[in-house]
Amino acid sequence: MYIIKVKGKAKIPDYIQLRDEEFVLIAYFRADRPLKDLHRYGLEGKEEPLAALISELEFGKLQKLEI
């Protein structure tokens, strides 16, 4: 799974994209909102490490998600 942080413009907030091994979009959510429904993506119980990773991510840089 891969993660990328997308910079918003003006009134559009920053977003996080989760993509599978073939780079197909599987999740798209606001970076400033609490993480929920992570069980849908196999990330249940990993809210804190994922939130920490999101805060450190650079915008526009695709990165392999390893938590």
PDB file of N, CA and C in Angstrom:
ATOM      1  N   MET A   1       0.849  -1.165   0.000  1.00  0.00           N
ATOM      2  CA  MET A   1       0.000   0.000   0.000  1.00  0.00           C
ATOM      3  C   MET A   1       0.902   1.237   0.000  1.00  0.00           C
ATOM      4  N   TYR A   2       0.452   2.287  -0.681  1.00  0.00           N
ATOM      5  CA  TYR A   2       1.204   3.530  -0.771  1.00  0.00           C
ATOM      6  C   TYR A   2       0.372   4.685  -0.232  1.00  0.00           C
ATOM      7  N   ILE A   3       1.059   5.732   0.211  1.00  0.00           N
ATOM      8  CA  ILE A   3       0.388   6.906   0.765  1.00  0.00           C
ATOM      9  C   ILE A   3       0.991   8.155   0.131  1.00  0.00           C
ATOM     10  N   ILE A   4       0.145   9.149  -0.100  1.00  0.00           N
ATOM     11  CA  ILE A   4       0.600  10.425  -0.635  1.00  0.00           C
ATOM     12  C   ILE A   4      -0.241  11.537  -0.007  1.00  0.00           C
ATOM     13  N   LYS A   5       0.403  12.647   0.286  1.00  0.00           N
ATOM     14  CA  LYS A   5      -0.272  13.806   0.867  1.00  0.00           C
ATOM     15  C   LYS A   5      -0.421  14.850  -0.239  1.00  0.00           C
ATOM     16  N   VAL A   6      -1.663  15.277  -0.477  1.00  0.00           N
ATOM     17  CA  VAL A   6      -1.976  16.212  -1.553  1.00  0.00           C
ATOM     18  C   VAL A   6      -2.289  17.578  -0.959  1.00  0.00           C
ATOM     19  N   LYS A   7      -1.591  18.596  -1.422  1.00  0.00           N
ATOM     20  CA  LYS A   7      -1.756  19.963  -0.918  1.00  0.00           C
ATOM     21  C   LYS A   7      -3.032  20.568  -1.478  1.00  0.00           C
ATOM     22  N   GLY A   8      -3.858  21.116  -0.580  1.00  0.00           N
ATOM     23  CA  GLY A   8      -5.061  21.809  -1.003  1.00  0.00           C
ATOM     24  C   GLY A   8      -4.736  23.246  -1.390  1.00  0.00           C
ATOM     25  N   LYS A   9      -5.697  23.893  -2.045  1.00  0.00           N
ATOM     26  CA  LYS A   9      -5.520  25.291  -2.442  1.00  0.00           C
ATOM     27  C   LYS A   9      -6.727  26.094  -1.990  1.00  0.00           C
ATOM     28  N   ALA A  10      -6.478  27.310  -1.528  1.00  0.00           N
ATOM     29  CA  ALA A  10      -7.541  28.227  -1.075  1.00  0.00           C
ATOM     30  C   ALA A  10      -8.433  27.526  -0.049  1.00  0.00           C
ATOM     31  N   LYS A  11      -9.677  27.274  -0.386  1.00  0.00           N
ATOM     32  CA  LYS A  11     -10.628  26.668   0.552  1.00  0.00           C
ATOM     33  C   LYS A  11     -10.619  25.147   0.516  1.00  0.00           C
ATOM     34  N   ILE A  12      -9.841  24.560  -0.374  1.00  0.00           N
ATOM     35  CA  ILE A  12      -9.768  23.104  -0.471  1.00  0.00           C
ATOM     36  C   ILE A  12      -8.696  22.615   0.498  1.00  0.00           C
ATOM     37  N   PRO A  13      -9.049  21.731   1.425  1.00  0.00           N
ATOM     38  CA  PRO A  13      -8.081  21.267   2.437  1.00  0.00           C
ATOM     39  C   PRO A  13      -7.070  20.264   1.868  1.00  0.00           C
ATOM     40  N   ASP A  14      -6.051  19.969   2.661  1.00  0.00           N
ATOM     41  CA  ASP A  14      -5.079  18.942   2.311  1.00  0.00           C
ATOM     42  C   ASP A  14      -5.752  17.574   2.428  1.00  0.00           C
ATOM     43  N   TYR A  15      -5.380  16.659   1.553  1.00  0.00           N
ATOM     44  CA  TYR A  15      -5.953  15.319   1.544  1.00  0.00           C
ATOM     45  C   TYR A  15      -4.869  14.263   1.565  1.00  0.00           C
ATOM     46  N   ILE A  16      -5.248  13.089   2.006  1.00  0.00           N
ATOM     47  CA  ILE A  16      -4.379  11.912   2.013  1.00  0.00           C
ATOM     48  C   ILE A  16      -4.993  10.888   1.067  1.00  0.00           C
ATOM     49  N   GLN A  17      -4.152  10.286   0.240  1.00  0.00           N
ATOM     50  CA  GLN A  17      -4.589   9.208  -0.639  1.00  0.00           C
ATOM     51  C   GLN A  17      -3.875   7.930  -0.231  1.00  0.00           C
ATOM     52  N   LEU A  18      -4.613   6.846  -0.161  1.00  0.00           N
ATOM     53  CA  LEU A  18      -4.040   5.520   0.019  1.00  0.00           C
ATOM     54  C   LEU A  18      -4.240   4.771  -1.287  1.00  0.00           C
ATOM     55  N   ARG A  19      -3.176   4.173  -1.792  1.00  0.00           N
ATOM     56  CA  ARG A  19      -3.237   3.450  -3.062  1.00  0.00           C
ATOM     57  C   ARG A  19      -2.696   2.043  -2.868  1.00  0.00           C
ATOM     58  N   ASP A  20      -3.246   1.099  -3.635  1.00  0.00           N
ATOM     59  CA  ASP A  20      -2.797  -0.286  -3.507  1.00  0.00           C
ATOM     60  C   ASP A  20      -1.511  -0.507  -4.307  1.00  0.00           C
ATOM     61  N   GLU A  21      -1.080  -1.750  -4.391  1.00  0.00           N
ATOM     62  CA  GLU A  21       0.180  -2.081  -5.060  1.00  0.00           C
ATOM     63  C   GLU A  21       0.182  -1.737  -6.550  1.00  0.00           C
ATOM     64  N   GLU A  22      -0.993  -1.613  -7.152  1.00  0.00           N
ATOM     65  CA  GLU A  22      -1.102  -1.240  -8.568  1.00  0.00           C
ATOM     66  C   GLU A  22      -1.429   0.244  -8.724  1.00  0.00           C
ATOM     67  N   PHE A  23      -1.300   0.990  -7.623  1.00  0.00           N
ATOM     68  CA  PHE A  23      -1.533   2.437  -7.560  1.00  0.00           C
ATOM     69  C   PHE A  23      -2.984   2.840  -7.803  1.00  0.00           C
ATOM     70  N   VAL A  24      -3.907   1.917  -7.574  1.00  0.00           N
ATOM     71  CA  VAL A  24      -5.334   2.210  -7.663  1.00  0.00           C
ATOM     72  C   VAL A  24      -5.752   2.874  -6.354  1.00  0.00           C
ATOM     73  N   LEU A  25      -6.490   3.966  -6.441  1.00  0.00           N
ATOM     74  CA  LEU A  25      -6.946   4.699  -5.267  1.00  0.00           C
ATOM     75  C   LEU A  25      -7.913   3.845  -4.459  1.00  0.00           C
ATOM     76  N   ILE A  26      -7.595   3.645  -3.173  1.00  0.00           N
ATOM     77  CA  ILE A  26      -8.492   2.857  -2.316  1.00  0.00           C
ATOM     78  C   ILE A  26      -9.080   3.683  -1.183  1.00  0.00           C
ATOM     79  N   ALA A  27      -8.456   4.828  -0.862  1.00  0.00           N
ATOM     80  CA  ALA A  27      -8.986   5.700   0.185  1.00  0.00           C
ATOM     81  C   ALA A  27      -8.533   7.125  -0.082  1.00  0.00           C
ATOM     82  N   TYR A  28      -9.394   8.068   0.301  1.00  0.00           N
ATOM     83  CA  TYR A  28      -9.141   9.483   0.076  1.00  0.00           C
ATOM     84  C   TYR A  28      -9.812  10.216   1.221  1.00  0.00           C
ATOM     85  N   PHE A  29      -9.026  10.866   2.097  1.00  0.00           N
ATOM     86  CA  PHE A  29      -9.623  11.527   3.251  1.00  0.00           C
ATOM     87  C   PHE A  29      -8.831  12.769   3.611  1.00  0.00           C
ATOM     88  N   ARG A  30      -9.488  13.676   4.345  1.00  0.00           N
ATOM     89  CA  ARG A  30      -8.842  14.920   4.749  1.00  0.00           C
ATOM     90  C   ARG A  30      -7.732  14.656   5.748  1.00  0.00           C
ATOM     91  N   ALA A  31      -6.644  15.383   5.608  1.00  0.00           N
ATOM     92  CA  ALA A  31      -5.494  15.192   6.483  1.00  0.00           C
ATOM     93  C   ALA A  31      -5.750  15.714   7.894  1.00  0.00           C
ATOM     94  N   ASP A  32      -6.677  16.647   8.039  1.00  0.00           N
ATOM     95  CA  ASP A  32      -6.908  17.264   9.353  1.00  0.00           C
ATOM     96  C   ASP A  32      -8.057  16.639  10.133  1.00  0.00           C
ATOM     97  N   ARG A  33      -8.676  15.607   9.607  1.00  0.00           N
ATOM     98  CA  ARG A  33      -9.791  14.947  10.288  1.00  0.00           C
ATOM     99  C   ARG A  33      -9.316  13.712  11.020  1.00  0.00           C
ATOM    100  N   PRO A  34     -10.020  13.358  12.087  1.00  0.00           N
ATOM    101  CA  PRO A  34      -9.668  12.120  12.790  1.00  0.00           C
ATOM    102  C   PRO A  34      -9.803  10.914  11.860  1.00  0.00           C
ATOM    103  N   LEU A  35      -8.925   9.972  12.042  1.00  0.00           N
ATOM    104  CA  LEU A  35      -8.934   8.775  11.202  1.00  0.00           C
ATOM    105  C   LEU A  35     -10.013   7.824  11.695  1.00  0.00           C
ATOM    106  N   LYS A  36     -10.888   7.428  10.801  1.00  0.00           N
ATOM    107  CA  LYS A  36     -11.934   6.468  11.161  1.00  0.00           C
ATOM    108  C   LYS A  36     -12.160   5.521   9.992  1.00  0.00           C
ATOM    109  N   ASP A  37     -12.827   4.446  10.251  1.00  0.00           N
ATOM    110  CA  ASP A  37     -13.108   3.414   9.249  1.00  0.00           C
ATOM    111  C   ASP A  37     -11.845   2.822   8.643  1.00  0.00           C
ATOM    112  N   LEU A  38     -10.762   2.793   9.413  1.00  0.00           N
ATOM    113  CA  LEU A  38      -9.513   2.241   8.898  1.00  0.00           C
ATOM    114  C   LEU A  38      -9.572   0.722   8.733  1.00  0.00           C
ATOM    115  N   HIS A  39     -10.559   0.085   9.384  1.00  0.00           N
ATOM    116  CA  HIS A  39     -10.700  -1.360   9.239  1.00  0.00           C
ATOM    117  C   HIS A  39     -10.995  -1.734   7.788  1.00  0.00           C
ATOM    118  N   ARG A  40     -11.579  -0.813   7.022  1.00  0.00           N
ATOM    119  CA  ARG A  40     -11.875  -1.067   5.611  1.00  0.00           C
ATOM    120  C   ARG A  40     -10.609  -1.287   4.793  1.00  0.00           C
ATOM    121  N   TYR A  41      -9.511  -0.736   5.264  1.00  0.00           N
ATOM    122  CA  TYR A  41      -8.255  -0.777   4.513  1.00  0.00           C
ATOM    123  C   TYR A  41      -7.205  -1.661   5.180  1.00  0.00           C
ATOM    124  N   GLY A  42      -7.607  -2.413   6.202  1.00  0.00           N
ATOM    125  CA  GLY A  42      -6.686  -3.297   6.894  1.00  0.00           C
ATOM    126  C   GLY A  42      -5.746  -2.567   7.836  1.00  0.00           C
ATOM    127  N   LEU A  43      -6.146  -1.397   8.312  1.00  0.00           N
ATOM    128  CA  LEU A  43      -5.288  -0.591   9.181  1.00  0.00           C
ATOM    129  C   LEU A  43      -5.878  -0.387  10.569  1.00  0.00           C
ATOM    130  N   GLU A  44      -6.773  -1.272  11.002  1.00  0.00           N
ATOM    131  CA  GLU A  44      -7.375  -1.134  12.315  1.00  0.00           C
ATOM    132  C   GLU A  44      -6.315  -1.217  13.404  1.00  0.00           C
ATOM    133  N   GLY A  45      -6.443  -0.364  14.417  1.00  0.00           N
ATOM    134  CA  GLY A  45      -5.504  -0.338  15.521  1.00  0.00           C
ATOM    135  C   GLY A  45      -4.203   0.402  15.226  1.00  0.00           C
ATOM    136  N   LYS A  46      -4.094   1.006  14.061  1.00  0.00           N
ATOM    137  CA  LYS A  46      -2.859   1.707  13.691  1.00  0.00           C
ATOM    138  C   LYS A  46      -3.097   3.208  13.516  1.00  0.00           C
ATOM    139  N   GLU A  47      -4.111   3.732  14.216  1.00  0.00           N
ATOM    140  CA  GLU A  47      -4.473   5.139  14.063  1.00  0.00           C
ATOM    141  C   GLU A  47      -3.347   6.081  14.482  1.00  0.00           C
ATOM    142  N   GLU A  48      -2.729   5.801  15.635  1.00  0.00           N
ATOM    143  CA  GLU A  48      -1.676   6.695  16.140  1.00  0.00           C
ATOM    144  C   GLU A  48      -0.442   6.703  15.248  1.00  0.00           C
ATOM    145  N   PRO A  49       0.107   5.532  14.852  1.00  0.00           N
ATOM    146  CA  PRO A  49       1.273   5.573  13.963  1.00  0.00           C
ATOM    147  C   PRO A  49       0.951   6.225  12.612  1.00  0.00           C
ATOM    148  N   LEU A  50      -0.266   5.997  12.101  1.00  0.00           N
ATOM    149  CA  LEU A  50      -0.657   6.589  10.823  1.00  0.00           C
ATOM    150  C   LEU A  50      -0.784   8.100  10.946  1.00  0.00           C
ATOM    151  N   ALA A  51      -1.361   8.580  12.038  1.00  0.00           N
ATOM    152  CA  ALA A  51      -1.480  10.030  12.259  1.00  0.00           C
ATOM    153  C   ALA A  51      -0.101  10.673  12.355  1.00  0.00           C
ATOM    154  N   ALA A  52       0.836  10.002  13.027  1.00  0.00           N
ATOM    155  CA  ALA A  52       2.201  10.525  13.137  1.00  0.00           C
ATOM    156  C   ALA A  52       2.872  10.568  11.771  1.00  0.00           C
ATOM    157  N   LEU A  53       2.669   9.537  10.973  1.00  0.00           N
ATOM    158  CA  LEU A  53       3.239   9.495   9.626  1.00  0.00           C
ATOM    159  C   LEU A  53       2.667  10.605   8.757  1.00  0.00           C
ATOM    160  N   ILE A  54       1.364  10.812   8.834  1.00  0.00           N
ATOM    161  CA  ILE A  54       0.707  11.849   8.031  1.00  0.00           C
ATOM    162  C   ILE A  54       1.255  13.229   8.370  1.00  0.00           C
ATOM    163  N   SER A  55       1.500  13.490   9.642  1.00  0.00           N
ATOM    164  CA  SER A  55       2.008  14.800  10.037  1.00  0.00           C
ATOM    165  C   SER A  55       3.429  15.043   9.513  1.00  0.00           C
ATOM    166  N   GLU A  56       4.196  13.981   9.277  1.00  0.00           N
ATOM    167  CA  GLU A  56       5.568  14.109   8.794  1.00  0.00           C
ATOM    168  C   GLU A  56       5.706  14.025   7.283  1.00  0.00           C
ATOM    169  N   LEU A  57       4.652  13.611   6.579  1.00  0.00           N
ATOM    170  CA  LEU A  57       4.729  13.431   5.131  1.00  0.00           C
ATOM    171  C   LEU A  57       4.979  14.744   4.406  1.00  0.00           C
ATOM    172  N   GLU A  58       5.758  14.661   3.334  1.00  0.00           N
ATOM    173  CA  GLU A  58       5.941  15.807   2.460  1.00  0.00           C
ATOM    174  C   GLU A  58       4.832  15.784   1.416  1.00  0.00           C
ATOM    175  N   PHE A  59       4.408  16.962   0.984  1.00  0.00           N
ATOM    176  CA  PHE A  59       3.351  17.032  -0.020  1.00  0.00           C
ATOM    177  C   PHE A  59       3.836  16.499  -1.368  1.00  0.00           C
ATOM    178  N   GLY A  60       2.987  15.713  -2.010  1.00  0.00           N
ATOM    179  CA  GLY A  60       3.254  15.242  -3.365  1.00  0.00           C
ATOM    180  C   GLY A  60       4.285  14.150  -3.493  1.00  0.00           C
ATOM    181  N   LYS A  61       4.747  13.599  -2.402  1.00  0.00           N
ATOM    182  CA  LYS A  61       5.768  12.552  -2.460  1.00  0.00           C
ATOM    183  C   LYS A  61       5.135  11.199  -2.135  1.00  0.00           C
ATOM    184  N   LEU A  62       5.035  10.334  -3.128  1.00  0.00           N
ATOM    185  CA  LEU A  62       4.473   9.007  -2.942  1.00  0.00           C
ATOM    186  C   LEU A  62       5.445   8.165  -2.121  1.00  0.00           C
ATOM    187  N   GLN A  63       4.889   7.455  -1.135  1.00  0.00           N
ATOM    188  CA  GLN A  63       5.731   6.710  -0.208  1.00  0.00           C
ATOM    189  C   GLN A  63       5.072   5.378   0.111  1.00  0.00           C
ATOM    190  N   LYS A  64       5.846   4.331   0.221  1.00  0.00           N
ATOM    191  CA  LYS A  64       5.313   3.019   0.599  1.00  0.00           C
ATOM    192  C   LYS A  64       4.871   3.094   2.065  1.00  0.00           C
ATOM    193  N   LEU A  65       3.667   2.635   2.340  1.00  0.00           N
ATOM    194  CA  LEU A  65       3.116   2.678   3.692  1.00  0.00           C
ATOM    195  C   LEU A  65       3.555   1.433   4.448  1.00  0.00           C
ATOM    196  N   GLU A  66       4.403   1.643   5.447  1.00  0.00           N
ATOM    197  CA  GLU A  66       4.919   0.530   6.242  1.00  0.00           C
ATOM    198  C   GLU A  66       4.765   0.854   7.713  1.00  0.00           C
ATOM    199  N   ILE A  67       3.606   0.496   8.278  1.00  0.00           N
ATOM    200  CA  ILE A  67       3.367   0.715   9.713  1.00  0.00           C
ATOM    201  C   ILE A  67       2.852  -0.552  10.342  1.00  0.00           C
TER     202      ILE A  67
END
